[in-house]
């Protein structure tokens, strides 16, 4: 057995207990991410009748429902694997190709319309200029990463250890908008009455990146506990996501980055 601390998919026999732990882990991760999406978008989408939020354009409803459908697919796929129904898992997995196109397009469409939504609501853009620029680049990188990770997962669908991790990293890439909205719950210090607007604490980006780090950390810990080494996809995925987080502020605050945002928005 190789002692290489960075592992590829291996044909080696894996103890049955570890297989069970892995199945529960991937299902658990999908459930946690789904809970983040439902909680983050609860005030503005799933439970908006209970909160003080303005009317929302129809395309945002569709965007939210598509995102929810993606995580519902992830739960279904993880549950099918856990039950050993691999043939059904493979058949339903082709639905990922639809999301591969729709999610990046809808995500960037919603992002580009953000300044106009603020203006239509009578919100002064001045305090949010830097936030809008940062979120634009976060979402652009996220859409690109989702496309890359999930596309690779489909391509490597027969290499289960790589496939599962790529699906997780692709999903982490697009969970940032929902994670950012967690900061708008009053329990985290937000005093704004309108849940559709950024948190009064200015912690939207901090929450998004914090959730990303926690989710990535969970994958790293899982690798080390179950195999005592990091899978190559875990290393590559971590470098890409963390690299994006470090690069976004640099681009967002550059003259060129600002110009692109406001030329397109």
Protein backbone atom coordinates (compact mmCIF):
# COMPACT_ATOMS: atom_id res chain seq x y z
CA UNK A 1 0.00 0.00 0.00
CA UNK A 2 1.28 3.46 -0.93
CA UNK A 3 2.25 5.84 1.84
CA UNK A 4 1.83 8.88 -0.42
CA UNK A 5 -0.04 11.48 1.70
CA UNK A 6 -1.89 12.67 -1.41
CA UNK A 7 -3.99 9.86 -2.81
CA UNK A 8 -5.65 9.13 -6.12
CA UNK A 9 -8.59 6.77 -6.55
CA UNK A 10 -7.31 3.38 -5.51
CA UNK A 11 -8.52 -0.15 -6.29
CA UNK A 12 -7.36 -1.24 -2.84
CA UNK A 13 -9.90 -2.92 -0.62
CA UNK A 14 -11.49 -0.51 1.82
CA UNK A 15 -12.83 -1.76 5.17
CA UNK A 16 -16.64 -2.01 5.19
CA UNK A 17 -16.87 0.25 8.24
CA UNK A 18 -15.02 2.97 6.36
CA UNK A 19 -17.36 2.61 3.39
CA UNK A 20 -20.35 3.16 5.69
CA UNK A 21 -18.68 6.19 7.27
CA UNK A 22 -17.98 7.66 3.84
CA UNK A 23 -21.57 7.17 2.67
CA UNK A 24 -22.92 8.88 5.78
CA UNK A 25 -20.39 11.68 5.39
CA UNK A 26 -21.43 12.62 1.85
CA UNK A 27 -25.11 12.44 2.72
CA UNK A 28 -24.45 14.53 5.83
CA UNK A 29 -22.55 17.15 3.84
CA UNK A 30 -25.38 17.48 1.32
CA UNK A 31 -27.91 17.83 4.14
CA UNK A 32 -25.82 20.54 5.84
CA UNK A 33 -25.44 22.49 2.60
CA UNK A 34 -29.17 22.16 1.88
CA UNK A 35 -29.93 23.49 5.37
CA UNK A 36 -27.66 26.49 4.68
CA UNK A 37 -29.52 27.20 1.43
CA UNK A 38 -32.95 26.89 3.05
CA UNK A 39 -31.97 29.04 6.06
CA UNK A 40 -30.15 31.66 4.02
CA UNK A 41 -32.97 32.12 1.53
CA UNK A 42 -35.81 31.58 4.00
CA UNK A 43 -36.66 35.29 4.50
CA UNK A 44 -36.51 36.26 0.83
CA UNK A 45 -37.76 33.11 -0.88
CA UNK A 46 -38.97 30.03 0.95
CA UNK A 47 -40.69 31.80 3.86
CA UNK A 48 -40.97 35.36 2.58
CA UNK A 49 -44.59 35.72 3.72
CA UNK A 50 -43.32 35.70 7.33
CA UNK A 51 -40.74 38.46 6.84
CA UNK A 52 -40.54 42.12 5.91
CA UNK A 53 -39.22 41.92 2.35
CA UNK A 54 -40.19 43.83 -0.80
CA UNK A 55 -41.58 42.28 -3.95
CA UNK A 56 -39.07 40.23 -5.87
CA UNK A 57 -38.76 39.77 -9.64
CA UNK A 58 -39.89 36.42 -10.96
CA UNK A 59 -36.46 35.38 -12.21
CA UNK A 60 -35.15 35.40 -8.63
CA UNK A 61 -37.84 32.93 -7.59
CA UNK A 62 -36.75 30.68 -10.44
CA UNK A 63 -33.08 31.11 -9.52
CA UNK A 64 -33.78 30.11 -5.92
CA UNK A 65 -35.86 27.10 -6.88
CA UNK A 66 -33.20 25.88 -9.33
CA UNK A 67 -30.59 26.13 -6.58
CA UNK A 68 -32.86 24.22 -4.19
CA UNK A 69 -33.47 21.57 -6.88
CA UNK A 70 -29.72 21.09 -7.26
CA UNK A 71 -29.27 20.32 -3.59
CA UNK A 72 -32.34 18.07 -3.65
CA UNK A 73 -30.63 16.14 -6.45
CA UNK A 74 -27.46 15.87 -4.34
CA UNK A 75 -29.40 14.46 -1.39
CA UNK A 76 -31.15 11.97 -3.66
CA UNK A 77 -27.87 10.86 -5.23
CA UNK A 78 -26.09 10.46 -1.89
CA UNK A 79 -29.05 8.53 -0.46
CA UNK A 80 -29.14 6.22 -3.48
CA UNK A 81 -25.46 5.40 -3.05
CA UNK A 82 -25.99 4.80 0.66
CA UNK A 83 -28.72 2.27 -0.17
CA UNK A 84 -26.59 0.58 -2.81
CA UNK A 85 -28.86 1.61 -5.69
CA UNK A 86 -25.98 2.51 -7.96
CA UNK A 87 -27.77 1.90 -11.27
CA UNK A 88 -30.49 4.40 -10.35
CA UNK A 89 -27.83 6.80 -9.08
CA UNK A 90 -26.08 6.70 -12.46
CA UNK A 91 -29.30 7.24 -14.42
CA UNK A 92 -30.52 10.19 -12.37
CA UNK A 93 -27.01 11.66 -12.32
CA UNK A 94 -27.36 12.80 -15.93
CA UNK A 95 -29.68 15.53 -14.65
CA UNK A 96 -26.52 17.27 -13.47
CA UNK A 97 -25.86 18.27 -17.08
CA UNK A 98 -28.94 20.52 -17.02
CA UNK A 99 -27.79 22.26 -13.84
CA UNK A 100 -24.29 22.55 -15.28
CA UNK A 101 -25.68 25.07 -17.77
CA UNK A 102 -28.59 26.63 -15.90
CA UNK A 103 -27.00 27.44 -12.52
CA UNK A 104 -24.05 29.53 -13.82
CA UNK A 105 -26.29 31.42 -16.28
CA UNK A 106 -28.99 32.20 -13.73
CA UNK A 107 -26.49 33.07 -11.02
CA UNK A 108 -24.65 35.62 -13.11
CA UNK A 109 -27.91 36.98 -14.52
CA UNK A 110 -29.17 37.67 -11.00
CA UNK A 111 -25.82 39.22 -10.07
CA UNK A 112 -25.74 41.60 -13.03
CA UNK A 113 -29.25 42.83 -12.19
CA UNK A 114 -28.38 43.56 -8.53
CA UNK A 115 -27.59 47.30 -8.87
CA UNK A 116 -30.84 47.91 -10.76
CA UNK A 117 -32.80 46.04 -8.09
CA UNK A 118 -31.26 48.27 -5.43
CA UNK A 119 -32.11 51.40 -7.42
CA UNK A 120 -35.68 50.23 -8.02
CA UNK A 121 -36.08 49.71 -4.27
CA UNK A 122 -34.90 53.27 -3.62
CA UNK A 123 -31.69 52.12 -1.97
CA UNK A 124 -28.66 54.42 -2.08
CA UNK A 125 -25.91 52.44 -3.81
CA UNK A 126 -23.06 54.47 -2.33
CA UNK A 127 -22.64 52.42 0.89
CA UNK A 128 -22.77 49.17 -1.09
CA UNK A 129 -20.43 49.89 -4.01
CA UNK A 130 -17.52 47.89 -2.60
CA UNK A 131 -19.82 45.04 -1.55
CA UNK A 132 -21.42 44.85 -5.02
CA UNK A 133 -17.99 44.73 -6.65
CA UNK A 134 -16.79 41.98 -4.33
CA UNK A 135 -19.97 39.91 -4.73
CA UNK A 136 -19.78 40.25 -8.51
CA UNK A 137 -16.33 38.68 -8.63
CA UNK A 138 -17.21 36.07 -6.00
CA UNK A 139 -20.20 35.00 -8.07
CA UNK A 140 -18.27 34.99 -11.34
CA UNK A 141 -15.56 32.79 -9.86
CA UNK A 142 -18.19 30.61 -8.18
CA UNK A 143 -20.07 30.04 -11.43
CA UNK A 144 -16.82 29.14 -13.19
CA UNK A 145 -15.81 26.78 -10.41
CA UNK A 146 -19.20 25.07 -10.37
CA UNK A 147 -18.92 24.53 -14.11
CA UNK A 148 -15.40 23.16 -13.77
CA UNK A 149 -15.93 20.93 -10.73
CA UNK A 150 -19.27 19.44 -11.77
CA UNK A 151 -18.14 19.05 -15.37
CA UNK A 152 -15.10 17.14 -14.12
CA UNK A 153 -17.32 15.07 -11.80
CA UNK A 154 -19.46 13.98 -14.75
CA UNK A 155 -16.35 13.18 -16.78
CA UNK A 156 -14.86 11.16 -13.90
CA UNK A 157 -18.14 9.54 -12.86
CA UNK A 158 -16.55 6.05 -12.92
CA UNK A 159 -13.89 7.12 -10.42
CA UNK A 160 -16.16 7.33 -7.41
CA UNK A 161 -13.74 8.87 -4.90
CA UNK A 162 -12.88 11.71 -7.27
CA UNK A 163 -16.47 12.07 -8.46
CA UNK A 164 -17.92 12.49 -4.95
CA UNK A 165 -15.40 15.10 -3.91
CA UNK A 166 -15.78 17.07 -7.13
CA UNK A 167 -19.55 17.21 -6.60
CA UNK A 168 -19.01 18.54 -3.09
CA UNK A 169 -16.53 21.18 -4.19
CA UNK A 170 -18.84 22.28 -7.01
CA UNK A 171 -21.67 22.67 -4.53
CA UNK A 172 -19.53 24.57 -2.04
CA UNK A 173 -18.63 26.99 -4.84
CA UNK A 174 -22.28 28.03 -5.32
CA UNK A 175 -23.39 28.05 -1.70
CA UNK A 176 -21.75 31.42 -0.98
CA UNK A 177 -24.84 33.62 -1.68
CA UNK A 178 -26.95 31.56 0.74
CA UNK A 179 -24.16 31.52 3.33
CA UNK A 180 -23.78 35.30 3.07
CA UNK A 181 -27.47 35.72 3.86
CA UNK A 182 -27.07 33.89 7.17
CA UNK A 183 -25.53 37.14 8.45
CA UNK A 184 -28.89 38.88 8.00
CA UNK A 185 -30.57 36.94 10.80
CA UNK A 186 -30.94 39.12 13.94
CA UNK A 187 -29.17 36.50 16.06
CA UNK A 188 -25.96 37.57 14.31
CA UNK A 189 -26.42 41.25 15.11
CA UNK A 190 -28.25 42.50 12.02
CA UNK A 191 -30.56 45.39 12.90
CA UNK A 192 -31.91 46.06 9.39
CA UNK A 193 -35.63 45.35 9.10
CA UNK A 194 -35.42 44.46 5.40
CA UNK A 195 -33.93 40.97 5.02
CA UNK A 196 -33.44 41.48 1.29
CA UNK A 197 -30.69 44.05 1.92
CA UNK A 198 -27.11 43.35 3.07
CA UNK A 199 -26.61 42.95 6.81
CA UNK A 200 -26.17 46.13 8.83
CA UNK A 201 -23.04 44.50 10.29
CA UNK A 202 -21.41 44.30 6.84
CA UNK A 203 -20.65 40.63 7.51
CA UNK A 204 -22.14 39.11 4.33
CA UNK A 205 -18.80 38.29 2.70
CA UNK A 206 -17.30 37.15 6.02
CA UNK A 207 -20.14 34.63 6.50
CA UNK A 208 -19.85 33.38 2.91
CA UNK A 209 -16.12 32.75 3.20
CA UNK A 210 -16.41 31.39 6.74
CA UNK A 211 -18.93 28.74 5.67
CA UNK A 212 -16.73 27.85 2.70
CA UNK A 213 -13.72 27.31 4.99
CA UNK A 214 -15.74 25.15 7.40
CA UNK A 215 -17.07 22.95 4.60
CA UNK A 216 -13.64 22.52 3.03
CA UNK A 217 -12.21 21.76 6.47
CA UNK A 218 -14.82 19.02 6.88
CA UNK A 219 -13.69 17.33 3.65
CA UNK A 220 -10.05 17.54 4.72
CA UNK A 221 -10.85 16.08 8.15
CA UNK A 222 -12.90 13.30 6.56
CA UNK A 223 -9.99 12.34 4.29
CA UNK A 224 -7.55 12.25 7.17
CA UNK A 225 -9.85 10.24 9.44
CA UNK A 226 -10.94 7.65 6.87
CA UNK A 227 -7.80 7.23 4.75
CA UNK A 228 -5.09 9.07 6.73
CA UNK A 229 -4.16 11.04 3.63
CA UNK A 230 -5.60 13.73 1.42
CA UNK A 231 -7.20 12.77 -1.85
CA UNK A 232 -5.79 14.69 -4.80
CA UNK A 233 -9.19 16.23 -5.56
CA UNK A 234 -9.35 17.55 -2.00
CA UNK A 235 -6.00 19.26 -2.45
CA UNK A 236 -6.84 20.70 -5.87
CA UNK A 237 -10.33 21.79 -4.81
CA UNK A 238 -9.02 23.48 -1.67
CA UNK A 239 -6.32 25.36 -3.59
CA UNK A 240 -8.84 26.56 -6.18
CA UNK A 241 -11.50 27.71 -3.71
CA UNK A 242 -9.10 29.31 -1.24
CA UNK A 243 -7.11 30.85 -4.09
CA UNK A 244 -10.34 32.41 -5.36
CA UNK A 245 -11.11 33.84 -1.94
CA UNK A 246 -7.68 35.47 -1.82
CA UNK A 247 -7.82 36.72 -5.40
CA UNK A 248 -11.32 38.22 -5.38
CA UNK A 249 -10.54 41.28 -3.17
CA UNK A 250 -7.51 42.07 -5.30
CA UNK A 251 -9.51 42.01 -8.54
CA UNK A 252 -12.60 43.66 -7.05
CA UNK A 253 -10.58 46.64 -5.79
CA UNK A 254 -8.49 47.06 -8.92
CA UNK A 255 -9.38 49.75 -11.45
CA UNK A 256 -9.95 47.15 -14.14
CA UNK A 257 -12.10 45.00 -11.88
CA UNK A 258 -14.30 47.94 -10.90
CA UNK A 259 -14.65 49.04 -14.52
CA UNK A 260 -15.83 45.59 -15.61
CA UNK A 261 -18.44 45.40 -12.82
CA UNK A 262 -20.06 48.73 -13.63
CA UNK A 263 -19.79 48.27 -17.39
CA UNK A 264 -21.84 45.08 -17.13
CA UNK A 265 -24.15 45.95 -14.23
